[in-house]
Amino acid sequence: LAWDKGRHEITLVISDWEEQLSTNLISRIDSSTHPFSKLVVMIPETASDFDIHSSLRINTSLPVLIERRSQPDYMDLCTAPIETEWFMMINSYHVLAPHVELLFTEDEKRKPVIPFVPADDLHCTTRHRCQKIHKASQIFAPENNMLVQDFDMLFRTEERDTFCLEWIQRSADQAELLPTTQISQEKPLGPTATSFVSYLLKMGIANDLYHFSDSTIFGARDNF
């Protein structure tokens, strides 16, 4: 089943870095059939007032909130101000597909269908970044064997908030345990959809909120 826009609202969070790059996505969003009701654009703290006002002047039917980052960009998942029950993430290097359709189960619960790839040798563990994302997620549920792309995840805001609190605490605890000689100089990974799912597994609510579908068997829709 498709999303019932009359029952629930979804915010689309756009991570932006370069000056006004997100304007391309925003200016074209009304030409797409999509379920989103609000836009939140996360921009660098150093962005000028002129850039912000220019973005707000773009002609779109959706309300747009421009938010200067107070934390590094890899924390956008946790720091984006969301007022709706659900939200999705994208960055300013993408645009929406002509038809964005989110799938839901046909039962009474109407759970969002979330595509994943197995975290196995064939699909993940031989690739450095994929392996890194999977390993990081296991701080919550060591048994997690799913990789979920950030752009495929429909986040529920209530669980996002509790996940982020625990993610921040666990990350701080891990950093304290590392000797300074072992602290990586590469950009931190940050919270991901895969870690979010692993957190839900740890809490025992993942399968109550979502239906997970193996995209290597059943495929997946490309919404961005």
N, C-alpha and C. Protein backbone atom coordinates (compact mmCIF):
# COMPACT_ATOMS: atom_id res chain seq x y z
N LEU A 1 0.83 -1.20 0.00
CA LEU A 1 0.00 0.00 0.00
C LEU A 1 0.87 1.25 0.00
N ALA A 2 0.32 2.34 -0.52
CA ALA A 2 1.05 3.60 -0.55
C ALA A 2 0.78 4.41 0.71
N TRP A 3 1.55 5.47 0.89
CA TRP A 3 1.44 6.34 2.06
C TRP A 3 0.13 7.12 2.05
N ASP A 4 -0.51 7.17 3.21
CA ASP A 4 -1.74 7.93 3.36
C ASP A 4 -1.38 9.32 3.89
N LYS A 5 -1.25 10.29 2.99
CA LYS A 5 -0.79 11.62 3.36
C LYS A 5 -1.79 12.33 4.28
N GLY A 6 -3.04 11.89 4.23
CA GLY A 6 -4.05 12.51 5.08
C GLY A 6 -3.93 12.11 6.54
N ARG A 7 -3.27 11.00 6.81
CA ARG A 7 -3.16 10.49 8.19
C ARG A 7 -1.87 10.91 8.87
N HIS A 8 -0.79 10.97 8.11
CA HIS A 8 0.53 11.23 8.70
C HIS A 8 1.31 12.21 7.84
N GLU A 9 2.19 12.98 8.48
CA GLU A 9 3.04 13.91 7.77
C GLU A 9 4.48 13.46 7.83
N ILE A 10 5.22 13.72 6.75
CA ILE A 10 6.64 13.37 6.69
C ILE A 10 7.43 14.62 6.34
N THR A 11 8.48 14.87 7.10
CA THR A 11 9.43 15.92 6.78
C THR A 11 10.57 15.34 5.96
N LEU A 12 11.05 16.08 4.98
CA LEU A 12 12.25 15.70 4.24
C LEU A 12 13.38 16.59 4.72
N VAL A 13 14.43 15.98 5.26
CA VAL A 13 15.61 16.69 5.73
C VAL A 13 16.67 16.66 4.63
N ILE A 14 17.15 17.84 4.26
CA ILE A 14 18.16 17.96 3.20
C ILE A 14 19.47 18.43 3.82
N SER A 15 20.51 17.61 3.75
CA SER A 15 21.83 18.03 4.21
C SER A 15 22.52 18.80 3.09
N ASP A 16 22.93 20.02 3.40
CA ASP A 16 23.55 20.87 2.39
C ASP A 16 24.91 21.34 2.89
N TRP A 17 25.83 21.55 1.94
CA TRP A 17 27.17 22.01 2.28
C TRP A 17 27.57 23.23 1.46
N GLU A 18 27.44 23.12 0.16
CA GLU A 18 27.85 24.21 -0.71
C GLU A 18 26.76 25.27 -0.78
N GLU A 19 27.17 26.47 -1.13
CA GLU A 19 26.23 27.59 -1.12
C GLU A 19 25.04 27.34 -2.05
N GLN A 20 23.89 27.25 -1.45
CA GLN A 20 22.61 27.18 -2.15
C GLN A 20 22.48 25.97 -3.09
N LEU A 21 23.27 24.93 -2.87
CA LEU A 21 23.15 23.75 -3.73
C LEU A 21 21.78 23.10 -3.58
N SER A 22 21.19 23.19 -2.40
CA SER A 22 19.89 22.57 -2.16
C SER A 22 18.76 23.27 -2.92
N THR A 23 19.02 24.48 -3.43
CA THR A 23 17.97 25.19 -4.15
C THR A 23 17.51 24.43 -5.39
N ASN A 24 18.41 23.66 -5.98
CA ASN A 24 18.03 22.86 -7.15
C ASN A 24 16.98 21.83 -6.78
N LEU A 25 17.19 21.15 -5.67
CA LEU A 25 16.22 20.14 -5.21
C LEU A 25 14.90 20.82 -4.83
N ILE A 26 14.99 21.91 -4.08
CA ILE A 26 13.78 22.57 -3.60
C ILE A 26 12.95 23.10 -4.76
N SER A 27 13.62 23.71 -5.73
CA SER A 27 12.89 24.32 -6.84
C SER A 27 12.21 23.29 -7.73
N ARG A 28 12.67 22.03 -7.67
CA ARG A 28 12.10 20.99 -8.53
C ARG A 28 11.15 20.05 -7.80
N ILE A 29 10.99 20.25 -6.49
CA ILE A 29 10.25 19.26 -5.71
C ILE A 29 8.76 19.24 -6.06
N ASP A 30 8.21 20.37 -6.47
CA ASP A 30 6.78 20.40 -6.80
C ASP A 30 6.46 19.67 -8.10
N SER A 31 7.48 19.40 -8.90
CA SER A 31 7.26 18.64 -10.14
C SER A 31 7.23 17.14 -9.89
N SER A 32 7.49 16.75 -8.65
CA SER A 32 7.48 15.33 -8.26
C SER A 32 6.22 15.02 -7.47
N THR A 33 5.69 13.82 -7.66
CA THR A 33 4.60 13.32 -6.81
C THR A 33 5.26 12.66 -5.61
N HIS A 34 5.02 13.20 -4.43
CA HIS A 34 5.77 12.73 -3.25
C HIS A 34 4.89 12.85 -2.00
N PRO A 35 5.31 12.23 -0.88
CA PRO A 35 4.50 12.26 0.34
C PRO A 35 4.92 13.33 1.35
N PHE A 36 5.86 14.19 1.01
CA PHE A 36 6.44 15.10 1.99
C PHE A 36 5.56 16.33 2.21
N SER A 37 5.53 16.78 3.45
CA SER A 37 4.71 17.94 3.80
C SER A 37 5.54 19.12 4.28
N LYS A 38 6.81 18.89 4.62
CA LYS A 38 7.70 19.96 5.09
C LYS A 38 9.13 19.66 4.63
N LEU A 39 9.94 20.73 4.54
CA LEU A 39 11.36 20.59 4.23
C LEU A 39 12.18 21.25 5.33
N VAL A 40 13.24 20.55 5.74
CA VAL A 40 14.22 21.13 6.66
C VAL A 40 15.57 21.04 5.96
N VAL A 41 16.24 22.17 5.80
CA VAL A 41 17.54 22.21 5.13
C VAL A 41 18.61 22.51 6.17
N MET A 42 19.55 21.58 6.33
CA MET A 42 20.66 21.75 7.27
C MET A 42 21.84 22.35 6.52
N ILE A 43 22.28 23.53 6.96
CA ILE A 43 23.32 24.26 6.25
C ILE A 43 24.50 24.54 7.19
N PRO A 44 25.67 24.87 6.62
CA PRO A 44 26.82 25.17 7.47
C PRO A 44 26.55 26.35 8.39
N GLU A 45 27.19 26.33 9.53
CA GLU A 45 27.03 27.42 10.50
C GLU A 45 27.48 28.76 9.91
N THR A 46 28.42 28.68 8.94
CA THR A 46 28.99 29.89 8.35
C THR A 46 28.16 30.44 7.19
N ALA A 47 27.06 29.79 6.84
CA ALA A 47 26.23 30.27 5.72
C ALA A 47 25.75 31.69 5.97
N SER A 48 25.73 32.48 4.93
CA SER A 48 25.36 33.88 5.07
C SER A 48 23.84 34.05 5.16
N ASP A 49 23.43 35.16 5.71
CA ASP A 49 22.00 35.49 5.76
C ASP A 49 21.43 35.62 4.34
N PHE A 50 22.24 36.11 3.43
CA PHE A 50 21.80 36.26 2.04
C PHE A 50 21.42 34.91 1.45
N ASP A 51 22.28 33.88 1.68
CA ASP A 51 22.00 32.55 1.16
C ASP A 51 20.71 31.99 1.76
N ILE A 52 20.50 32.23 3.04
CA ILE A 52 19.30 31.74 3.70
C ILE A 52 18.06 32.40 3.11
N HIS A 53 18.09 33.71 2.97
CA HIS A 53 16.93 34.43 2.41
C HIS A 53 16.67 34.02 0.97
N SER A 54 17.75 33.75 0.21
CA SER A 54 17.59 33.33 -1.18
C SER A 54 16.88 31.98 -1.25
N SER A 55 17.27 31.07 -0.36
CA SER A 55 16.64 29.75 -0.33
C SER A 55 15.17 29.84 0.04
N LEU A 56 14.85 30.74 0.95
CA LEU A 56 13.47 30.87 1.40
C LEU A 56 12.57 31.50 0.34
N ARG A 57 13.18 32.16 -0.63
CA ARG A 57 12.39 32.81 -1.67
C ARG A 57 12.05 31.87 -2.83
N ILE A 58 12.54 30.65 -2.79
CA ILE A 58 12.26 29.70 -3.86
C ILE A 58 10.77 29.35 -3.87
N ASN A 59 10.20 29.32 -5.03
CA ASN A 59 8.77 29.05 -5.17
C ASN A 59 8.49 27.56 -5.00
N THR A 60 7.91 27.19 -3.88
CA THR A 60 7.51 25.81 -3.62
C THR A 60 6.26 25.82 -2.74
N SER A 61 5.45 24.79 -2.88
CA SER A 61 4.21 24.72 -2.10
C SER A 61 4.46 24.25 -0.67
N LEU A 62 5.67 23.79 -0.39
CA LEU A 62 5.98 23.24 0.94
C LEU A 62 6.63 24.29 1.84
N PRO A 63 6.31 24.26 3.13
CA PRO A 63 7.03 25.13 4.07
C PRO A 63 8.49 24.67 4.19
N VAL A 64 9.41 25.63 4.19
CA VAL A 64 10.84 25.34 4.23
C VAL A 64 11.45 25.97 5.48
N LEU A 65 12.18 25.16 6.25
CA LEU A 65 12.92 25.66 7.40
C LEU A 65 14.41 25.52 7.10
N ILE A 66 15.14 26.63 7.17
CA ILE A 66 16.59 26.61 6.99
C ILE A 66 17.23 26.62 8.38
N GLU A 67 18.05 25.62 8.66
CA GLU A 67 18.62 25.46 10.00
C GLU A 67 20.15 25.45 9.91
N ARG A 68 20.79 26.45 10.57
CA ARG A 68 22.24 26.43 10.67
C ARG A 68 22.67 25.33 11.63
N ARG A 69 23.69 24.58 11.23
CA ARG A 69 24.17 23.49 12.09
C ARG A 69 24.81 24.03 13.37
N SER A 70 24.53 23.35 14.46
CA SER A 70 25.20 23.63 15.72
C SER A 70 26.21 22.54 16.05
N GLN A 71 26.19 21.47 15.24
CA GLN A 71 27.10 20.34 15.41
C GLN A 71 27.62 19.94 14.03
N PRO A 72 28.63 19.04 13.96
CA PRO A 72 29.16 18.62 12.65
C PRO A 72 28.08 18.03 11.76
N ASP A 73 28.33 18.08 10.45
CA ASP A 73 27.31 17.65 9.48
C ASP A 73 26.92 16.19 9.62
N TYR A 74 27.83 15.34 10.11
CA TYR A 74 27.50 13.93 10.25
C TYR A 74 26.48 13.68 11.36
N MET A 75 26.11 14.75 12.09
CA MET A 75 25.09 14.62 13.13
C MET A 75 23.72 15.10 12.67
N ASP A 76 23.55 15.41 11.38
CA ASP A 76 22.27 15.94 10.89
C ASP A 76 21.09 15.04 11.25
N LEU A 77 21.29 13.74 11.21
CA LEU A 77 20.21 12.81 11.55
C LEU A 77 19.66 13.10 12.93
N CYS A 78 20.54 13.45 13.85
CA CYS A 78 20.13 13.67 15.23
C CYS A 78 19.76 15.11 15.55
N THR A 79 20.31 16.06 14.82
CA THR A 79 20.12 17.46 15.19
C THR A 79 19.04 18.17 14.37
N ALA A 80 18.58 17.57 13.28
CA ALA A 80 17.54 18.21 12.48
C ALA A 80 16.27 18.39 13.32
N PRO A 81 15.73 19.60 13.37
CA PRO A 81 14.51 19.85 14.16
C PRO A 81 13.28 19.33 13.41
N ILE A 82 12.65 18.30 13.95
CA ILE A 82 11.52 17.66 13.29
C ILE A 82 10.26 17.84 14.13
N GLU A 83 9.20 18.31 13.50
CA GLU A 83 7.92 18.48 14.20
C GLU A 83 6.90 17.44 13.77
N THR A 84 7.18 16.70 12.71
CA THR A 84 6.24 15.69 12.24
C THR A 84 6.58 14.33 12.85
N GLU A 85 5.66 13.39 12.72
CA GLU A 85 5.86 12.06 13.30
C GLU A 85 6.97 11.29 12.60
N TRP A 86 7.13 11.53 11.31
CA TRP A 86 8.09 10.79 10.50
C TRP A 86 8.98 11.75 9.72
N PHE A 87 10.15 11.27 9.30
CA PHE A 87 11.00 12.06 8.40
C PHE A 87 11.93 11.15 7.63
N MET A 88 12.45 11.69 6.52
CA MET A 88 13.46 11.01 5.72
C MET A 88 14.64 11.95 5.53
N MET A 89 15.79 11.36 5.14
CA MET A 89 17.02 12.12 4.93
C MET A 89 17.44 12.06 3.47
N ILE A 90 18.02 13.15 2.99
CA ILE A 90 18.62 13.19 1.66
C ILE A 90 19.69 14.29 1.72
N ASN A 91 20.56 14.34 0.71
CA ASN A 91 21.49 15.47 0.66
C ASN A 91 21.29 16.27 -0.62
N SER A 92 21.94 17.42 -0.67
CA SER A 92 21.67 18.38 -1.74
C SER A 92 22.28 17.99 -3.08
N TYR A 93 22.96 16.86 -3.13
CA TYR A 93 23.50 16.37 -4.41
C TYR A 93 22.46 15.53 -5.16
N HIS A 94 21.29 15.36 -4.59
CA HIS A 94 20.24 14.55 -5.19
C HIS A 94 19.00 15.41 -5.50
N VAL A 95 18.11 14.84 -6.30
CA VAL A 95 16.77 15.39 -6.50
C VAL A 95 15.78 14.25 -6.33
N LEU A 96 14.52 14.60 -6.18
CA LEU A 96 13.50 13.56 -6.03
C LEU A 96 13.22 12.89 -7.36
N ALA A 97 12.89 11.62 -7.29
CA ALA A 97 12.40 10.93 -8.47
C ALA A 97 11.05 11.53 -8.87
N PRO A 98 10.65 11.38 -10.15
CA PRO A 98 9.35 11.95 -10.57
C PRO A 98 8.18 11.45 -9.74
N HIS A 99 8.29 10.22 -9.24
CA HIS A 99 7.22 9.67 -8.42
C HIS A 99 7.85 8.96 -7.21
N VAL A 100 7.69 9.56 -6.04
CA VAL A 100 8.21 8.98 -4.80
C VAL A 100 7.08 8.22 -4.12
N GLU A 101 7.24 6.93 -3.99
CA GLU A 101 6.19 6.12 -3.38
C GLU A 101 6.78 5.27 -2.27
N LEU A 102 6.32 5.49 -1.07
CA LEU A 102 6.73 4.70 0.08
C LEU A 102 5.74 3.56 0.26
N LEU A 103 6.26 2.38 0.51
CA LEU A 103 5.41 1.20 0.62
C LEU A 103 5.12 0.85 2.07
N PHE A 104 3.92 0.29 2.29
CA PHE A 104 3.49 -0.11 3.62
C PHE A 104 2.80 -1.46 3.54
N THR A 105 2.81 -2.18 4.63
CA THR A 105 2.16 -3.48 4.65
C THR A 105 0.65 -3.31 4.51
N GLU A 106 0.00 -4.36 4.07
CA GLU A 106 -1.44 -4.30 3.82
C GLU A 106 -2.29 -4.69 5.02
N ASP A 107 -1.65 -4.95 6.15
CA ASP A 107 -2.42 -5.33 7.33
C ASP A 107 -2.87 -4.08 8.09
N GLU A 108 -3.47 -4.27 9.25
CA GLU A 108 -4.00 -3.15 10.02
C GLU A 108 -2.90 -2.21 10.51
N LYS A 109 -1.71 -2.75 10.76
CA LYS A 109 -0.63 -1.92 11.31
C LYS A 109 -0.04 -0.98 10.26
N ARG A 110 -0.14 -1.35 8.99
CA ARG A 110 0.40 -0.53 7.89
C ARG A 110 1.82 -0.08 8.21
N LYS A 111 2.68 -1.04 8.44
CA LYS A 111 4.07 -0.75 8.78
C LYS A 111 4.85 -0.34 7.53
N PRO A 112 5.75 0.64 7.64
CA PRO A 112 6.60 0.99 6.51
C PRO A 112 7.47 -0.20 6.10
N VAL A 113 7.62 -0.40 4.80
CA VAL A 113 8.48 -1.46 4.26
C VAL A 113 9.85 -0.85 4.00
N ILE A 114 10.86 -1.36 4.68
CA ILE A 114 12.22 -0.81 4.60
C ILE A 114 13.14 -1.81 3.91
N PRO A 115 13.74 -1.44 2.78
CA PRO A 115 14.67 -2.35 2.09
C PRO A 115 16.02 -2.41 2.81
N PHE A 116 16.63 -3.57 2.77
CA PHE A 116 17.96 -3.74 3.35
C PHE A 116 18.77 -4.69 2.48
N VAL A 117 20.08 -4.69 2.67
CA VAL A 117 20.94 -5.71 2.08
C VAL A 117 21.57 -6.50 3.22
N PRO A 118 21.78 -7.79 3.04
CA PRO A 118 22.39 -8.59 4.10
C PRO A 118 23.83 -8.14 4.35
N ALA A 119 24.21 -8.11 5.61
CA ALA A 119 25.58 -7.73 5.98
C ALA A 119 26.47 -8.97 5.92
N ASP A 120 26.67 -9.49 4.71
CA ASP A 120 27.46 -10.71 4.53
C ASP A 120 28.64 -10.42 3.60
N ASP A 121 29.45 -11.44 3.35
CA ASP A 121 30.64 -11.26 2.52
C ASP A 121 30.30 -10.81 1.11
N LEU A 122 29.20 -11.28 0.57
CA LEU A 122 28.84 -10.96 -0.80
C LEU A 122 28.42 -9.50 -0.95
N HIS A 123 27.70 -8.98 0.03
CA HIS A 123 27.10 -7.66 -0.13
C HIS A 123 27.73 -6.57 0.73
N CYS A 124 28.57 -6.94 1.70
CA CYS A 124 29.01 -5.90 2.63
C CYS A 124 30.42 -6.05 3.16
N THR A 125 30.71 -7.14 3.81
CA THR A 125 31.88 -7.19 4.69
C THR A 125 33.22 -7.10 3.96
N THR A 126 33.22 -7.23 2.63
CA THR A 126 34.46 -7.05 1.88
C THR A 126 34.65 -5.59 1.45
N ARG A 127 33.69 -4.73 1.77
CA ARG A 127 33.77 -3.31 1.43
C ARG A 127 33.98 -2.51 2.70
N HIS A 128 35.00 -1.67 2.69
CA HIS A 128 35.44 -1.01 3.93
C HIS A 128 34.33 -0.19 4.60
N ARG A 129 33.72 0.71 3.84
CA ARG A 129 32.72 1.58 4.46
C ARG A 129 31.51 0.79 4.94
N CYS A 130 31.08 -0.17 4.13
CA CYS A 130 29.93 -0.99 4.52
C CYS A 130 30.24 -1.77 5.79
N GLN A 131 31.43 -2.33 5.84
CA GLN A 131 31.84 -3.08 7.03
C GLN A 131 31.90 -2.16 8.25
N LYS A 132 32.38 -0.94 8.04
CA LYS A 132 32.48 0.03 9.14
C LYS A 132 31.10 0.39 9.68
N ILE A 133 30.15 0.62 8.77
CA ILE A 133 28.78 0.96 9.18
C ILE A 133 28.14 -0.19 9.94
N HIS A 134 28.33 -1.40 9.43
CA HIS A 134 27.74 -2.57 10.08
C HIS A 134 28.34 -2.79 11.47
N LYS A 135 29.65 -2.71 11.55
CA LYS A 135 30.31 -2.93 12.84
C LYS A 135 29.88 -1.89 13.86
N ALA A 136 29.77 -0.64 13.42
CA ALA A 136 29.35 0.43 14.34
C ALA A 136 27.94 0.18 14.86
N SER A 137 27.09 -0.40 14.02
CA SER A 137 25.70 -0.64 14.44
C SER A 137 25.61 -1.70 15.52
N GLN A 138 26.60 -2.56 15.59
CA GLN A 138 26.54 -3.70 16.51
C GLN A 138 26.78 -3.32 17.96
N ILE A 139 27.08 -2.05 18.23
CA ILE A 139 27.16 -1.63 19.63
C ILE A 139 25.79 -1.71 20.29
N PHE A 140 24.74 -1.71 19.48
CA PHE A 140 23.38 -1.85 20.01
C PHE A 140 22.94 -3.31 19.99
N ALA A 141 22.87 -3.90 18.82
CA ALA A 141 22.43 -5.30 18.68
C ALA A 141 23.51 -6.06 17.93
N PRO A 142 24.34 -6.82 18.62
CA PRO A 142 25.41 -7.57 17.95
C PRO A 142 24.90 -8.53 16.89
N GLU A 143 23.63 -8.92 17.00
CA GLU A 143 23.07 -9.88 16.04
C GLU A 143 22.56 -9.21 14.77
N ASN A 144 22.61 -7.89 14.70
CA ASN A 144 22.09 -7.20 13.52
C ASN A 144 22.83 -7.66 12.25
N ASN A 145 22.07 -8.08 11.25
CA ASN A 145 22.68 -8.52 9.99
C ASN A 145 22.11 -7.76 8.79
N MET A 146 21.57 -6.56 9.05
CA MET A 146 20.97 -5.78 7.98
C MET A 146 21.72 -4.47 7.78
N LEU A 147 21.91 -4.09 6.51
CA LEU A 147 22.43 -2.79 6.13
C LEU A 147 21.30 -1.99 5.50
N VAL A 148 20.95 -0.87 6.09
CA VAL A 148 19.88 -0.02 5.58
C VAL A 148 20.48 1.31 5.13
N GLN A 149 20.25 1.68 3.88
CA GLN A 149 20.75 2.95 3.38
C GLN A 149 20.02 4.11 4.07
N ASP A 150 20.77 5.16 4.39
CA ASP A 150 20.18 6.31 5.08
C ASP A 150 19.00 6.89 4.30
N PHE A 151 19.11 6.92 2.97
CA PHE A 151 18.07 7.55 2.15
C PHE A 151 16.85 6.65 1.97
N ASP A 152 16.95 5.39 2.37
CA ASP A 152 15.83 4.46 2.27
C ASP A 152 15.00 4.41 3.55
N MET A 153 15.52 4.98 4.61
CA MET A 153 14.89 4.83 5.92
C MET A 153 13.82 5.89 6.16
N LEU A 154 12.68 5.44 6.61
CA LEU A 154 11.63 6.34 7.10
C LEU A 154 11.74 6.34 8.63
N PHE A 155 12.31 7.39 9.16
CA PHE A 155 12.56 7.48 10.61
C PHE A 155 11.31 7.96 11.33
N ARG A 156 11.01 7.29 12.46
CA ARG A 156 9.97 7.83 13.32
C ARG A 156 10.65 8.72 14.35
N THR A 157 10.17 9.95 14.48
CA THR A 157 10.88 10.97 15.24
C THR A 157 11.03 10.60 16.72
N GLU A 158 10.02 10.01 17.30
CA GLU A 158 10.10 9.65 18.71
C GLU A 158 11.25 8.69 18.98
N GLU A 159 11.40 7.68 18.12
CA GLU A 159 12.50 6.72 18.30
C GLU A 159 13.83 7.33 17.90
N ARG A 160 13.82 8.25 16.94
CA ARG A 160 15.06 8.95 16.58
C ARG A 160 15.64 9.66 17.79
N ASP A 161 14.77 10.32 18.54
CA ASP A 161 15.23 11.10 19.68
C ASP A 161 15.87 10.22 20.75
N THR A 162 15.25 9.10 21.08
CA THR A 162 15.82 8.22 22.10
C THR A 162 17.08 7.51 21.59
N PHE A 163 17.08 7.15 20.30
CA PHE A 163 18.26 6.54 19.68
C PHE A 163 19.45 7.49 19.76
N CYS A 164 19.23 8.75 19.43
CA CYS A 164 20.33 9.70 19.40
C CYS A 164 20.92 9.94 20.78
N LEU A 165 20.07 9.99 21.79
CA LEU A 165 20.58 10.14 23.16
C LEU A 165 21.51 8.99 23.51
N GLU A 166 21.10 7.78 23.17
CA GLU A 166 21.93 6.63 23.51
C GLU A 166 23.16 6.56 22.60
N TRP A 167 23.01 6.91 21.33
CA TRP A 167 24.16 6.89 20.42
C TRP A 167 25.24 7.85 20.90
N ILE A 168 24.84 9.04 21.31
CA ILE A 168 25.80 10.04 21.79
C ILE A 168 26.51 9.54 23.05
N GLN A 169 25.75 8.93 23.96
CA GLN A 169 26.35 8.44 25.20
C GLN A 169 27.32 7.30 24.91
N ARG A 170 26.93 6.36 24.07
CA ARG A 170 27.80 5.23 23.74
C ARG A 170 29.05 5.69 23.00
N SER A 171 28.91 6.66 22.11
CA SER A 171 30.06 7.17 21.38
C SER A 171 31.04 7.85 22.32
N ALA A 172 30.52 8.60 23.29
CA ALA A 172 31.38 9.26 24.27
C ALA A 172 32.10 8.23 25.13
N ASP A 173 31.39 7.17 25.52
CA ASP A 173 32.01 6.12 26.33
C ASP A 173 33.13 5.42 25.57
N GLN A 174 32.89 5.15 24.27
CA GLN A 174 33.91 4.49 23.47
C GLN A 174 35.13 5.37 23.28
N ALA A 175 34.91 6.66 23.07
CA ALA A 175 36.02 7.59 22.86
C ALA A 175 36.91 7.66 24.10
N GLU A 176 36.29 7.58 25.28
CA GLU A 176 37.06 7.65 26.52
C GLU A 176 37.94 6.42 26.70
N LEU A 177 37.51 5.28 26.13
CA LEU A 177 38.26 4.03 26.28
C LEU A 177 39.44 3.94 25.32
N LEU A 178 39.43 4.75 24.25
CA LEU A 178 40.49 4.67 23.25
C LEU A 178 41.72 5.47 23.69
N PRO A 179 42.91 4.87 23.59
CA PRO A 179 44.13 5.66 23.79
C PRO A 179 44.24 6.72 22.71
N THR A 180 44.86 7.84 23.01
CA THR A 180 44.96 8.93 22.04
C THR A 180 45.69 8.49 20.77
N THR A 181 46.57 7.50 20.88
CA THR A 181 47.30 7.01 19.70
C THR A 181 46.41 6.22 18.76
N GLN A 182 45.22 5.79 19.23
CA GLN A 182 44.33 4.99 18.40
C GLN A 182 43.13 5.79 17.88
N ILE A 183 43.07 7.07 18.19
CA ILE A 183 41.96 7.89 17.72
C ILE A 183 42.12 8.14 16.23
N SER A 184 41.12 7.78 15.45
CA SER A 184 41.19 7.89 14.00
C SER A 184 41.17 9.35 13.57
N GLN A 185 41.97 9.66 12.54
CA GLN A 185 41.99 11.01 12.00
C GLN A 185 40.96 11.21 10.89
N GLU A 186 40.33 10.11 10.43
CA GLU A 186 39.33 10.25 9.38
C GLU A 186 38.02 10.77 9.98
N LYS A 187 37.16 11.28 9.10
CA LYS A 187 35.90 11.87 9.55
C LYS A 187 35.06 10.83 10.29
N PRO A 188 34.54 11.16 11.45
CA PRO A 188 33.70 10.20 12.19
C PRO A 188 32.51 9.75 11.36
N LEU A 189 32.07 8.55 11.62
CA LEU A 189 30.96 7.98 10.85
C LEU A 189 29.63 8.66 11.16
N GLY A 190 29.41 8.92 12.43
CA GLY A 190 28.13 9.52 12.81
C GLY A 190 27.03 8.48 12.88
N PRO A 191 25.85 8.86 13.37
CA PRO A 191 24.71 7.95 13.44
C PRO A 191 24.19 7.64 12.03
N THR A 192 23.75 6.41 11.82
CA THR A 192 23.27 5.98 10.51
C THR A 192 21.93 5.28 10.64
N ALA A 193 21.28 5.06 9.51
CA ALA A 193 20.03 4.30 9.51
C ALA A 193 20.26 2.88 10.00
N THR A 194 21.41 2.31 9.65
CA THR A 194 21.72 0.95 10.09
C THR A 194 21.85 0.87 11.61
N SER A 195 22.51 1.87 12.21
CA SER A 195 22.60 1.90 13.67
C SER A 195 21.24 2.15 14.31
N PHE A 196 20.42 2.97 13.65
CA PHE A 196 19.06 3.21 14.15
C PHE A 196 18.27 1.90 14.19
N VAL A 197 18.35 1.13 13.12
CA VAL A 197 17.65 -0.17 13.07
C VAL A 197 18.20 -1.11 14.14
N SER A 198 19.52 -1.11 14.30
CA SER A 198 20.13 -1.96 15.32
C SER A 198 19.65 -1.56 16.72
N TYR A 199 19.51 -0.27 16.95
CA TYR A 199 18.97 0.20 18.24
C TYR A 199 17.55 -0.30 18.44
N LEU A 200 16.73 -0.25 17.39
CA LEU A 200 15.35 -0.74 17.50
C LEU A 200 15.33 -2.25 17.77
N LEU A 201 16.27 -2.97 17.18
CA LEU A 201 16.38 -4.41 17.45
C LEU A 201 16.71 -4.64 18.92
N LYS A 202 17.64 -3.86 19.44
CA LYS A 202 18.01 -3.99 20.86
C LYS A 202 16.82 -3.73 21.76
N MET A 203 15.99 -2.75 21.37
CA MET A 203 14.83 -2.39 22.18
C MET A 203 13.67 -3.37 21.98
N GLY A 204 13.80 -4.26 20.99
CA GLY A 204 12.75 -5.25 20.74
C GLY A 204 11.54 -4.70 20.03
N ILE A 205 11.70 -3.56 19.31
CA ILE A 205 10.54 -2.93 18.66
C ILE A 205 10.70 -2.79 17.15
N ALA A 206 11.82 -3.23 16.60
CA ALA A 206 12.08 -3.04 15.17
C ALA A 206 10.97 -3.63 14.31
N ASN A 207 10.61 -4.86 14.59
CA ASN A 207 9.62 -5.54 13.76
C ASN A 207 8.18 -5.16 14.10
N ASP A 208 8.01 -4.42 15.19
CA ASP A 208 6.69 -3.86 15.49
C ASP A 208 6.45 -2.59 14.68
N LEU A 209 7.52 -1.86 14.41
CA LEU A 209 7.40 -0.59 13.71
C LEU A 209 7.55 -0.71 12.20
N TYR A 210 8.36 -1.69 11.75
CA TYR A 210 8.71 -1.78 10.35
C TYR A 210 8.62 -3.22 9.84
N HIS A 211 8.47 -3.33 8.52
CA HIS A 211 8.64 -4.61 7.83
C HIS A 211 9.90 -4.48 6.98
N PHE A 212 10.89 -5.33 7.22
CA PHE A 212 12.16 -5.26 6.51
C PHE A 212 12.16 -6.24 5.34
N SER A 213 12.56 -5.70 4.18
CA SER A 213 12.50 -6.47 2.94
C SER A 213 13.89 -6.57 2.32
N ASP A 214 14.34 -7.78 2.04
CA ASP A 214 15.66 -8.02 1.46
C ASP A 214 15.66 -7.55 0.01
N SER A 215 16.37 -6.45 -0.25
CA SER A 215 16.36 -5.86 -1.59
C SER A 215 17.11 -6.71 -2.61
N THR A 216 17.95 -7.63 -2.15
CA THR A 216 18.65 -8.51 -3.09
C THR A 216 17.70 -9.57 -3.65
N ILE A 217 16.57 -9.75 -3.00
CA ILE A 217 15.56 -10.71 -3.46
C ILE A 217 14.35 -9.99 -4.06
N PHE A 218 13.86 -8.97 -3.34
CA PHE A 218 12.60 -8.33 -3.72
C PHE A 218 12.79 -6.97 -4.40
N GLY A 219 14.04 -6.50 -4.46
CA GLY A 219 14.31 -5.20 -5.08
C GLY A 219 13.94 -4.05 -4.17
N ALA A 220 14.15 -2.83 -4.67
CA ALA A 220 13.85 -1.63 -3.89
C ALA A 220 13.57 -0.47 -4.84
N ARG A 221 12.79 0.48 -4.39
CA ARG A 221 12.49 1.66 -5.19
C ARG A 221 13.56 2.72 -4.97
N ASP A 222 13.93 3.39 -6.05
CA ASP A 222 14.91 4.47 -5.98
C ASP A 222 14.15 5.79 -5.96
N ASN A 223 13.98 6.37 -4.77
CA ASN A 223 13.17 7.58 -4.64
C ASN A 223 13.97 8.87 -4.84
N PHE A 224 15.30 8.77 -4.84
CA PHE A 224 16.12 9.97 -4.99
C PHE A 224 17.20 9.74 -6.05
